[in-house]
Amino acid sequence: MFKSGFISIIGRPNVGKSTLLNAIVNEHLSIISPVAQTTRNNLKGIYTDDKMQIVFIDTPGIHKPKNELGSFMNKQSYSSLNDSDLILWIVDASEEFGGGDRYLVNILETVKPPVILVLNKIDKVETSSLEYKENKNNFLNSLKFMSNIEISALEKTRVDTLMDLLYENLSEGPAYYDKNQLTDTPIRFIVGEIIREKIFMLTRQEVPHSVAVVIDDMKEDAELTSIRATIYVSRTSQRGIILGSGGKMIKNIKKLSKRDIALICGTKVDLDLWVKASKNWQDNVNILGRLGYK
């Protein structure tokens, strides 16, 4: 029996939602960074095999917003929940159940789709320890779950078991997308996310959430993909960090971005990057609109 459905991946920032999505579809679709709250838009990843098709919606980490951008990110997360067939609540098994988790429980208590608890990052804990078992029970007792499972998305431990569990709990249905399609997200958006990921990776905490990337122009042919993009930051000092001494940082950002973009596009890549400072763009609704955060 062929089954299909839409599944939202939800959780606090930096619990491994994007890592899990990339592991499932075996492709670098969603931005991964040790910096929390890097995912800003809902992003669909499509998994298809001979017996099922699942459309996963990777959502931004739900958190207490500090600006208009934060509010936008939460709205993105909330918007997908009731339209889903199932919800995967991803938690970091190495972190204690706390106030942020209670906040999420309050939200999940109001939605209709069943919830599966996914305890991620079990590679970081001793699952036989009393401390871990008590923490696991705190999560299990917080909400009525359809099921629960322990995995490591990073090491792909029990991800195949998770997929079997999802198949068991989905209904018969058609394939909504071509079997070779991995996402319906525009390639320009994915390219912008790749560039933003490299900025996070190379600058770490120096430019935490003050970066947005706009693809100004993108031309593709069989041999070459040409891209012009603008990196927006909040302060002039951050512009200097991204450029780096003698332009070293921006060269490294470009080099790593071109490598991953080439894998996605299947061509050589010509990438032209510009950096602009736009003061407090995260709170400016007009600027957010121009940057695509509508």
C-alpha atoms as a PDB file:
ATOM      1  CA  MET A   1       0.000   0.000   0.000  1.00  0.00           C
ATOM      2  CA  PHE A   2       1.431   3.385  -1.041  1.00  0.00           C
ATOM      3  CA  LYS A   3       1.110   6.036   1.654  1.00  0.00           C
ATOM      4  CA  SER A   4       1.759   9.773   1.745  1.00  0.00           C
ATOM      5  CA  GLY A   5       1.432  12.757   4.022  1.00  0.00           C
ATOM      6  CA  PHE A   6       2.726  16.070   5.309  1.00  0.00           C
ATOM      7  CA  ILE A   7       4.809  16.084   8.482  1.00  0.00           C
ATOM      8  CA  SER A   8       5.939  19.185  10.378  1.00  0.00           C
ATOM      9  CA  ILE A   9       9.278  19.077  12.181  1.00  0.00           C
ATOM     10  CA  ILE A  10       9.060  21.319  15.222  1.00  0.00           C
ATOM     11  CA  GLY A  11      11.242  22.016  18.233  1.00  0.00           C
ATOM     12  CA  ARG A  12      13.284  24.534  20.144  1.00  0.00           C
ATOM     13  CA  PRO A  13      16.268  26.181  18.424  1.00  0.00           C
ATOM     14  CA  ASN A  14      19.328  24.050  17.748  1.00  0.00           C
ATOM     15  CA  VAL A  15      17.836  20.625  18.576  1.00  0.00           C
ATOM     16  CA  GLY A  16      18.734  19.121  15.185  1.00  0.00           C
ATOM     17  CA  LYS A  17      15.621  19.655  13.052  1.00  0.00           C
ATOM     18  CA  SER A  18      17.553  20.655   9.942  1.00  0.00           C
ATOM     19  CA  THR A  19      20.139  17.922  10.478  1.00  0.00           C
ATOM     20  CA  LEU A  20      17.332  15.364  10.571  1.00  0.00           C
ATOM     21  CA  LEU A  21      15.705  16.666   7.386  1.00  0.00           C
ATOM     22  CA  ASN A  22      19.024  16.585   5.526  1.00  0.00           C
ATOM     23  CA  ALA A  23      19.692  13.055   6.797  1.00  0.00           C
ATOM     24  CA  ILE A  24      16.282  11.829   5.611  1.00  0.00           C
ATOM     25  CA  VAL A  25      16.432  13.261   2.090  1.00  0.00           C
ATOM     26  CA  ASN A  26      20.209  12.637   1.878  1.00  0.00           C
ATOM     27  CA  GLU A  27      20.787  16.148   0.555  1.00  0.00           C
ATOM     28  CA  HIS A  28      21.929  19.503   1.927  1.00  0.00           C
ATOM     29  CA  LEU A  29      18.612  21.362   1.789  1.00  0.00           C
ATOM     30  CA  SER A  30      18.342  23.089   5.139  1.00  0.00           C
ATOM     31  CA  ILE A  31      20.851  25.366   6.840  1.00  0.00           C
ATOM     32  CA  ILE A  32      22.839  23.757   9.646  1.00  0.00           C
ATOM     33  CA  SER A  33      24.790  25.783  12.194  1.00  0.00           C
ATOM     34  CA  PRO A  34      25.817  25.562  15.853  1.00  0.00           C
ATOM     35  CA  VAL A  35      24.215  28.999  16.184  1.00  0.00           C
ATOM     36  CA  ALA A  36      20.582  28.689  17.320  1.00  0.00           C
ATOM     37  CA  GLN A  37      17.639  30.010  15.282  1.00  0.00           C
ATOM     38  CA  THR A  38      19.387  29.820  11.915  1.00  0.00           C
ATOM     39  CA  THR A  39      16.337  28.458  10.068  1.00  0.00           C
ATOM     40  CA  ARG A  40      14.017  31.414   9.345  1.00  0.00           C
ATOM     41  CA  ASN A  41      11.478  30.089   6.848  1.00  0.00           C
ATOM     42  CA  ASN A  42       9.482  26.883   6.574  1.00  0.00           C
ATOM     43  CA  LEU A  43      11.305  24.652   4.102  1.00  0.00           C
ATOM     44  CA  LYS A  44       9.913  21.508   2.494  1.00  0.00           C
ATOM     45  CA  GLY A  45      11.977  18.371   2.033  1.00  0.00           C
ATOM     46  CA  ILE A  46      10.413  15.547   0.004  1.00  0.00           C
ATOM     47  CA  TYR A  47      11.217  11.894   0.687  1.00  0.00           C
ATOM     48  CA  THR A  48      10.004   9.278  -1.791  1.00  0.00           C
ATOM     49  CA  ASP A  49      10.561   5.544  -2.025  1.00  0.00           C
ATOM     50  CA  ASP A  50       8.586   2.619  -3.429  1.00  0.00           C
ATOM     51  CA  LYS A  51       6.014   2.606  -0.635  1.00  0.00           C
ATOM     52  CA  MET A  52       5.581   6.222   0.479  1.00  0.00           C
ATOM     53  CA  GLN A  53       6.096   9.909  -0.106  1.00  0.00           C
ATOM     54  CA  ILE A  54       6.498  12.243   2.860  1.00  0.00           C
ATOM     55  CA  VAL A  55       6.623  16.021   2.572  1.00  0.00           C
ATOM     56  CA  PHE A  56       8.553  17.282   5.598  1.00  0.00           C
ATOM     57  CA  ILE A  57       8.235  20.911   6.682  1.00  0.00           C
ATOM     58  CA  ASP A  58      11.354  22.076   8.509  1.00  0.00           C
ATOM     59  CA  THR A  59      10.257  24.948  10.741  1.00  0.00           C
ATOM     60  CA  PRO A  60      12.237  27.694  12.504  1.00  0.00           C
ATOM     61  CA  GLY A  61      12.967  26.968  16.160  1.00  0.00           C
ATOM     62  CA  ILE A  62      10.163  28.350  18.339  1.00  0.00           C
ATOM     63  CA  HIS A  63      11.470  30.866  20.861  1.00  0.00           C
ATOM     64  CA  LYS A  64      10.500  34.053  22.673  1.00  0.00           C
ATOM     65  CA  PRO A  65      10.876  36.697  19.954  1.00  0.00           C
ATOM     66  CA  LYS A  66      13.021  39.782  20.553  1.00  0.00           C
ATOM     67  CA  ASN A  67      12.233  41.595  17.300  1.00  0.00           C
ATOM     68  CA  GLU A  68      10.028  41.541  14.198  1.00  0.00           C
ATOM     69  CA  LEU A  69      12.216  38.884  12.593  1.00  0.00           C
ATOM     70  CA  GLY A  70      11.727  36.620  15.625  1.00  0.00           C
ATOM     71  CA  SER A  71       7.951  37.101  15.431  1.00  0.00           C
ATOM     72  CA  PHE A  72       8.040  36.198  11.738  1.00  0.00           C
ATOM     73  CA  MET A  73       9.981  33.010  12.494  1.00  0.00           C
ATOM     74  CA  ASN A  74       7.449  31.898  15.117  1.00  0.00           C
ATOM     75  CA  LYS A  75       4.544  32.582  12.759  1.00  0.00           C
ATOM     76  CA  GLN A  76       6.278  30.419  10.139  1.00  0.00           C
ATOM     77  CA  SER A  77       6.456  27.553  12.636  1.00  0.00           C
ATOM     78  CA  TYR A  78       2.839  27.881  13.807  1.00  0.00           C
ATOM     79  CA  SER A  79       1.459  28.102  10.251  1.00  0.00           C
ATOM     80  CA  SER A  80       2.378  24.543   9.306  1.00  0.00           C
ATOM     81  CA  LEU A  81       1.092  22.678  12.349  1.00  0.00           C
ATOM     82  CA  ASN A  82      -2.645  22.192  11.805  1.00  0.00           C
ATOM     83  CA  ASP A  83      -2.129  21.580   8.079  1.00  0.00           C
ATOM     84  CA  SER A  84       0.050  18.546   8.823  1.00  0.00           C
ATOM     85  CA  ASP A  85      -0.885  14.876   9.087  1.00  0.00           C
ATOM     86  CA  LEU A  86       1.706  14.305  11.810  1.00  0.00           C
ATOM     87  CA  ILE A  87       4.028  16.441  13.922  1.00  0.00           C
ATOM     88  CA  LEU A  88       7.539  15.439  14.929  1.00  0.00           C
ATOM     89  CA  TRP A  89       8.573  17.205  18.129  1.00  0.00           C
ATOM     90  CA  ILE A  90      12.373  17.070  18.120  1.00  0.00           C
ATOM     91  CA  VAL A  91      14.098  17.509  21.492  1.00  0.00           C
ATOM     92  CA  ASP A  92      17.743  17.452  22.481  1.00  0.00           C
ATOM     93  CA  ALA A  93      18.090  14.358  24.644  1.00  0.00           C
ATOM     94  CA  SER A  94      21.153  15.836  26.333  1.00  0.00           C
ATOM     95  CA  GLU A  95      19.246  18.908  27.580  1.00  0.00           C
ATOM     96  CA  GLU A  96      16.935  18.922  30.594  1.00  0.00           C
ATOM     97  CA  PHE A  97      13.202  19.482  30.128  1.00  0.00           C
ATOM     98  CA  GLY A  98      12.652  23.159  30.911  1.00  0.00           C
ATOM     99  CA  GLY A  99      10.632  26.323  30.416  1.00  0.00           C
ATOM    100  CA  GLY A 100      11.116  26.426  26.647  1.00  0.00           C
ATOM    101  CA  ASP A 101       9.776  22.887  26.392  1.00  0.00           C
ATOM    102  CA  ARG A 102       6.723  23.764  28.524  1.00  0.00           C
ATOM    103  CA  TYR A 103       6.099  26.687  26.170  1.00  0.00           C
ATOM    104  CA  LEU A 104       6.069  24.251  23.249  1.00  0.00           C
ATOM    105  CA  VAL A 105       3.812  21.814  25.109  1.00  0.00           C
ATOM    106  CA  ASN A 106       1.243  24.606  25.532  1.00  0.00           C
ATOM    107  CA  ILE A 107       1.284  25.114  21.765  1.00  0.00           C
ATOM    108  CA  LEU A 108       1.121  21.408  20.902  1.00  0.00           C
ATOM    109  CA  GLU A 109      -1.854  20.924  23.237  1.00  0.00           C
ATOM    110  CA  THR A 110      -3.888  23.206  20.943  1.00  0.00           C
ATOM    111  CA  VAL A 111      -3.181  21.462  17.609  1.00  0.00           C
ATOM    112  CA  LYS A 112      -5.138  18.638  16.008  1.00  0.00           C
ATOM    113  CA  PRO A 113      -2.515  16.360  14.383  1.00  0.00           C
ATOM    114  CA  PRO A 114      -0.952  13.594  16.506  1.00  0.00           C
ATOM    115  CA  VAL A 115       2.556  14.223  17.837  1.00  0.00           C
ATOM    116  CA  ILE A 116       5.547  11.874  17.836  1.00  0.00           C
ATOM    117  CA  LEU A 117       8.310  12.671  20.329  1.00  0.00           C
ATOM    118  CA  VAL A 118      11.795  12.322  18.832  1.00  0.00           C
ATOM    119  CA  LEU A 119      14.617  12.349  21.371  1.00  0.00           C
ATOM    120  CA  ASN A 120      17.579  13.409  19.241  1.00  0.00           C
ATOM    121  CA  LYS A 121      21.333  13.479  19.971  1.00  0.00           C
ATOM    122  CA  ILE A 122      21.405  10.206  21.869  1.00  0.00           C
ATOM    123  CA  ASP A 123      25.060  10.004  20.804  1.00  0.00           C
ATOM    124  CA  LYS A 124      25.688  12.664  23.464  1.00  0.00           C
ATOM    125  CA  VAL A 125      24.075  10.827  26.410  1.00  0.00           C
ATOM    126  CA  GLU A 126      24.280   7.581  28.330  1.00  0.00           C
ATOM    127  CA  THR A 127      20.792   6.230  27.706  1.00  0.00           C
ATOM    128  CA  SER A 128      21.062   3.680  30.523  1.00  0.00           C
ATOM    129  CA  SER A 129      21.756   6.332  33.173  1.00  0.00           C
ATOM    130  CA  LEU A 130      19.141   7.229  35.793  1.00  0.00           C
ATOM    131  CA  GLU A 131      19.544  10.919  34.979  1.00  0.00           C
ATOM    132  CA  TYR A 132      18.690  10.372  31.321  1.00  0.00           C
ATOM    133  CA  LYS A 133      15.733   8.105  32.111  1.00  0.00           C
ATOM    134  CA  GLU A 134      14.260  10.704  34.478  1.00  0.00           C
ATOM    135  CA  ASN A 135      14.643  13.428  31.876  1.00  0.00           C
ATOM    136  CA  LYS A 136      13.082  11.217  29.188  1.00  0.00           C
ATOM    137  CA  ASN A 137      10.101  10.589  31.469  1.00  0.00           C
ATOM    138  CA  ASN A 138       9.687  14.329  31.994  1.00  0.00           C
ATOM    139  CA  PHE A 139       9.260  14.719  28.239  1.00  0.00           C
ATOM    140  CA  LEU A 140       7.009  11.659  27.906  1.00  0.00           C
ATOM    141  CA  ASN A 141       4.714  12.841  30.714  1.00  0.00           C
ATOM    142  CA  SER A 142       4.377  16.368  29.325  1.00  0.00           C
ATOM    143  CA  LEU A 143       1.947  15.480  26.504  1.00  0.00           C
ATOM    144  CA  LYS A 144      -0.076  12.605  25.071  1.00  0.00           C
ATOM    145  CA  PHE A 145       2.112  11.284  22.253  1.00  0.00           C
ATOM    146  CA  MET A 146       1.227   8.927  19.433  1.00  0.00           C
ATOM    147  CA  SER A 147       4.681   7.378  19.835  1.00  0.00           C
ATOM    148  CA  ASN A 148       8.271   8.195  20.774  1.00  0.00           C
ATOM    149  CA  ILE A 149      11.703   7.235  19.485  1.00  0.00           C
ATOM    150  CA  GLU A 150      15.362   7.895  20.295  1.00  0.00           C
ATOM    151  CA  ILE A 151      17.709   8.786  17.412  1.00  0.00           C
ATOM    152  CA  SER A 152      20.903  10.548  16.427  1.00  0.00           C
ATOM    153  CA  ALA A 153      20.245  12.584  13.285  1.00  0.00           C
ATOM    154  CA  LEU A 154      23.938  13.496  13.054  1.00  0.00           C
ATOM    155  CA  GLU A 155      25.072   9.870  13.016  1.00  0.00           C
ATOM    156  CA  LYS A 156      21.861   8.654  11.300  1.00  0.00           C
ATOM    157  CA  THR A 157      21.258   6.238  14.161  1.00  0.00           C
ATOM    158  CA  ARG A 158      17.718   4.753  13.990  1.00  0.00           C
ATOM    159  CA  VAL A 159      16.634   7.233  11.305  1.00  0.00           C
ATOM    160  CA  ASP A 160      15.534   4.214   9.248  1.00  0.00           C
ATOM    161  CA  THR A 161      13.479   3.021  12.232  1.00  0.00           C
ATOM    162  CA  LEU A 162      11.883   6.458  12.425  1.00  0.00           C
ATOM    163  CA  MET A 163      10.908   6.216   8.752  1.00  0.00           C
ATOM    164  CA  ASP A 164       9.290   2.817   9.380  1.00  0.00           C
ATOM    165  CA  LEU A 165       7.354   4.362  12.265  1.00  0.00           C
ATOM    166  CA  LEU A 166       6.124   7.180  10.056  1.00  0.00           C
ATOM    167  CA  TYR A 167       4.983   4.741   7.375  1.00  0.00           C
ATOM    168  CA  GLU A 168       2.972   2.816   9.962  1.00  0.00           C
ATOM    169  CA  ASN A 169       1.129   5.964  11.020  1.00  0.00           C
ATOM    170  CA  LEU A 170       0.408   7.518   7.627  1.00  0.00           C
ATOM    171  CA  SER A 171      -2.688   6.901   5.530  1.00  0.00           C
ATOM    172  CA  GLU A 172      -2.957   5.597   1.990  1.00  0.00           C
ATOM    173  CA  GLY A 173      -2.480   8.419  -0.474  1.00  0.00           C
ATOM    174  CA  PRO A 174      -0.951   9.590  -3.754  1.00  0.00           C
ATOM    175  CA  ALA A 175       2.487  10.959  -4.556  1.00  0.00           C
ATOM    176  CA  TYR A 176       2.154  14.750  -4.610  1.00  0.00           C
ATOM    177  CA  TYR A 177       5.516  15.350  -6.271  1.00  0.00           C
ATOM    178  CA  ASP A 178       7.738  13.676  -8.842  1.00  0.00           C
ATOM    179  CA  LYS A 179       9.776  10.856  -7.285  1.00  0.00           C
ATOM    180  CA  ASN A 180      13.060  12.656  -8.021  1.00  0.00           C
ATOM    181  CA  GLN A 181      11.996  16.002  -6.536  1.00  0.00           C
ATOM    182  CA  LEU A 182      13.592  16.786  -3.177  1.00  0.00           C
ATOM    183  CA  THR A 183      11.978  20.160  -2.450  1.00  0.00           C
ATOM    184  CA  ASP A 184       9.569  22.718  -3.869  1.00  0.00           C
ATOM    185  CA  THR A 185      11.633  25.539  -2.400  1.00  0.00           C
ATOM    186  CA  PRO A 186      13.040  27.835  -5.126  1.00  0.00           C
ATOM    187  CA  ILE A 187      16.719  27.265  -5.879  1.00  0.00           C
ATOM    188  CA  ARG A 188      17.407  30.975  -5.257  1.00  0.00           C
ATOM    189  CA  PHE A 189      16.246  30.577  -1.649  1.00  0.00           C
ATOM    190  CA  ILE A 190      18.441  27.514  -1.110  1.00  0.00           C
ATOM    191  CA  VAL A 191      21.444  29.340  -2.569  1.00  0.00           C
ATOM    192  CA  GLY A 192      20.865  32.247  -0.176  1.00  0.00           C
ATOM    193  CA  GLU A 193      20.648  29.813   2.748  1.00  0.00           C
ATOM    194  CA  ILE A 194      23.924  28.159   1.743  1.00  0.00           C
ATOM    195  CA  ILE A 195      25.699  31.527   1.749  1.00  0.00           C
ATOM    196  CA  ARG A 196      24.168  32.431   5.116  1.00  0.00           C
ATOM    197  CA  GLU A 197      25.241  29.082   6.563  1.00  0.00           C
ATOM    198  CA  LYS A 198      28.861  29.691   5.549  1.00  0.00           C
ATOM    199  CA  ILE A 199      28.772  33.121   7.197  1.00  0.00           C
ATOM    200  CA  PHE A 200      27.551  31.554  10.449  1.00  0.00           C
ATOM    201  CA  MET A 201      30.141  28.801  10.217  1.00  0.00           C
ATOM    202  CA  LEU A 202      33.086  31.134   9.648  1.00  0.00           C
ATOM    203  CA  THR A 203      32.146  34.099  11.857  1.00  0.00           C
ATOM    204  CA  ARG A 204      30.559  32.103  14.726  1.00  0.00           C
ATOM    205  CA  GLN A 205      29.259  34.451  17.438  1.00  0.00           C
ATOM    206  CA  GLU A 206      30.725  37.619  15.909  1.00  0.00           C
ATOM    207  CA  VAL A 207      27.756  38.091  13.569  1.00  0.00           C
ATOM    208  CA  PRO A 208      25.037  35.946  15.194  1.00  0.00           C
ATOM    209  CA  HIS A 209      21.601  36.866  13.816  1.00  0.00           C
ATOM    210  CA  SER A 210      22.413  40.114  12.066  1.00  0.00           C
ATOM    211  CA  VAL A 211      22.792  38.572   8.613  1.00  0.00           C
ATOM    212  CA  ALA A 212      20.396  38.228   5.710  1.00  0.00           C
ATOM    213  CA  VAL A 213      21.239  37.235   2.142  1.00  0.00           C
ATOM    214  CA  VAL A 214      19.360  38.475  -0.921  1.00  0.00           C
ATOM    215  CA  ILE A 215      19.964  36.889  -4.326  1.00  0.00           C
ATOM    216  CA  ASP A 216      19.911  39.923  -6.609  1.00  0.00           C
ATOM    217  CA  ASP A 217      20.448  38.020  -9.846  1.00  0.00           C
ATOM    218  CA  MET A 218      20.862  34.374 -10.826  1.00  0.00           C
ATOM    219  CA  LYS A 219      21.393  32.997 -14.315  1.00  0.00           C
ATOM    220  CA  GLU A 220      21.681  29.282 -15.081  1.00  0.00           C
ATOM    221  CA  ASP A 221      22.773  27.378 -18.156  1.00  0.00           C
ATOM    222  CA  ALA A 222      24.146  23.911 -18.793  1.00  0.00           C
ATOM    223  CA  GLU A 223      27.730  24.803 -17.856  1.00  0.00           C
ATOM    224  CA  LEU A 224      27.641  27.793 -15.507  1.00  0.00           C
ATOM    225  CA  THR A 225      25.445  29.307 -12.787  1.00  0.00           C
ATOM    226  CA  SER A 226      26.119  33.018 -12.274  1.00  0.00           C
ATOM    227  CA  ILE A 227      24.935  34.573  -9.014  1.00  0.00           C
ATOM    228  CA  ARG A 228      25.041  38.083  -7.606  1.00  0.00           C
ATOM    229  CA  ALA A 229      24.046  38.338  -3.942  1.00  0.00           C
ATOM    230  CA  THR A 230      23.976  41.009  -1.238  1.00  0.00           C
ATOM    231  CA  ILE A 231      24.766  40.208   2.390  1.00  0.00           C
ATOM    232  CA  TYR A 232      22.919  42.548   4.780  1.00  0.00           C
ATOM    233  CA  VAL A 233      24.189  43.208   8.311  1.00  0.00           C
ATOM    234  CA  SER A 234      23.013  45.547  11.080  1.00  0.00           C
ATOM    235  CA  ARG A 235      26.184  47.530  11.747  1.00  0.00           C
ATOM    236  CA  THR A 236      29.189  48.821   9.851  1.00  0.00           C
ATOM    237  CA  SER A 237      31.477  46.936  12.227  1.00  0.00           C
ATOM    238  CA  GLN A 238      29.798  43.673  11.190  1.00  0.00           C
ATOM    239  CA  ARG A 239      30.417  44.539   7.557  1.00  0.00           C
ATOM    240  CA  GLY A 240      34.103  44.720   8.393  1.00  0.00           C
ATOM    241  CA  ILE A 241      33.996  41.298  10.053  1.00  0.00           C
ATOM    242  CA  ILE A 242      32.412  39.673   7.011  1.00  0.00           C
ATOM    243  CA  LEU A 243      34.858  41.333   4.619  1.00  0.00           C
ATOM    244  CA  GLY A 244      37.807  40.439   6.853  1.00  0.00           C
ATOM    245  CA  SER A 245      41.350  41.720   6.754  1.00  0.00           C
ATOM    246  CA  GLY A 246      42.338  42.201   3.122  1.00  0.00           C
ATOM    247  CA  GLY A 247      39.042  40.622   2.073  1.00  0.00           C
ATOM    248  CA  LYS A 248      40.114  37.218   3.436  1.00  0.00           C
ATOM    249  CA  MET A 249      36.810  36.386   5.155  1.00  0.00           C
ATOM    250  CA  ILE A 250      34.576  37.187   2.192  1.00  0.00           C
ATOM    251  CA  LYS A 251      36.866  35.104  -0.036  1.00  0.00           C
ATOM    252  CA  ASN A 252      36.471  32.113   2.292  1.00  0.00           C
ATOM    253  CA  ILE A 253      32.680  32.598   2.414  1.00  0.00           C
ATOM    254  CA  LYS A 254      32.605  32.688  -1.375  1.00  0.00           C
ATOM    255  CA  LYS A 255      34.842  29.614  -1.733  1.00  0.00           C
ATOM    256  CA  LEU A 256      32.791  27.403   0.605  1.00  0.00           C
ATOM    257  CA  SER A 257      29.477  28.675  -0.803  1.00  0.00           C
ATOM    258  CA  LYS A 258      30.504  27.966  -4.397  1.00  0.00           C
ATOM    259  CA  ARG A 259      31.422  24.391  -3.465  1.00  0.00           C
ATOM    260  CA  ASP A 260      27.973  23.585  -2.041  1.00  0.00           C
ATOM    261  CA  ILE A 261      26.029  25.566  -4.643  1.00  0.00           C
ATOM    262  CA  ALA A 262      27.833  23.621  -7.376  1.00  0.00           C
ATOM    263  CA  LEU A 263      26.630  20.361  -5.817  1.00  0.00           C
ATOM    264  CA  ILE A 264      23.036  21.628  -5.827  1.00  0.00           C
ATOM    265  CA  CYS A 265      23.112  23.135  -9.339  1.00  0.00           C
ATOM    266  CA  GLY A 266      25.343  20.551 -11.011  1.00  0.00           C
ATOM    267  CA  THR A 267      27.376  23.253 -12.792  1.00  0.00           C
ATOM    268  CA  LYS A 268      30.363  25.499 -12.261  1.00  0.00           C
ATOM    269  CA  VAL A 269      29.470  28.580 -10.185  1.00  0.00           C
ATOM    270  CA  ASP A 270      30.429  32.241 -10.567  1.00  0.00           C
ATOM    271  CA  LEU A 271      29.511  33.996  -7.306  1.00  0.00           C
ATOM    272  CA  ASP A 272      29.672  37.755  -6.754  1.00  0.00           C
ATOM    273  CA  LEU A 273      29.091  38.857  -3.143  1.00  0.00           C
ATOM    274  CA  TRP A 274      28.434  42.369  -1.809  1.00  0.00           C
ATOM    275  CA  VAL A 275      28.066  43.418   1.820  1.00  0.00           C
ATOM    276  CA  LYS A 276      25.789  46.250   3.010  1.00  0.00           C
ATOM    277  CA  ALA A 277      25.013  47.598   6.493  1.00  0.00           C
ATOM    278  CA  SER A 278      21.326  48.348   7.150  1.00  0.00           C
ATOM    279  CA  LYS A 279      20.820  49.448  10.767  1.00  0.00           C
ATOM    280  CA  ASN A 280      18.489  47.204  12.823  1.00  0.00           C
ATOM    281  CA  TRP A 281      16.950  45.591   9.752  1.00  0.00           C
ATOM    282  CA  GLN A 282      15.440  42.855  11.968  1.00  0.00           C
ATOM    283  CA  ASP A 283      12.891  45.386  13.332  1.00  0.00           C
ATOM    284  CA  ASN A 284      12.140  47.217  10.091  1.00  0.00           C
ATOM    285  CA  VAL A 285       9.042  45.682   8.488  1.00  0.00           C
ATOM    286  CA  ASN A 286       9.757  47.309   5.120  1.00  0.00           C
ATOM    287  CA  ILE A 287      13.303  45.974   5.014  1.00  0.00           C
ATOM    288  CA  LEU A 288      12.128  42.526   6.139  1.00  0.00           C
ATOM    289  CA  GLY A 289       9.677  42.539   3.254  1.00  0.00           C
ATOM    290  CA  ARG A 290      12.413  43.382   0.752  1.00  0.00           C
ATOM    291  CA  LEU A 291      14.575  40.625   2.214  1.00  0.00           C
ATOM    292  CA  GLY A 292      11.764  38.109   1.695  1.00  0.00           C
ATOM    293  CA  TYR A 293      10.590  37.817   5.332  1.00  0.00           C
ATOM    294  CA  LYS A 294       6.946  38.642   4.692  1.00  0.00           C
END
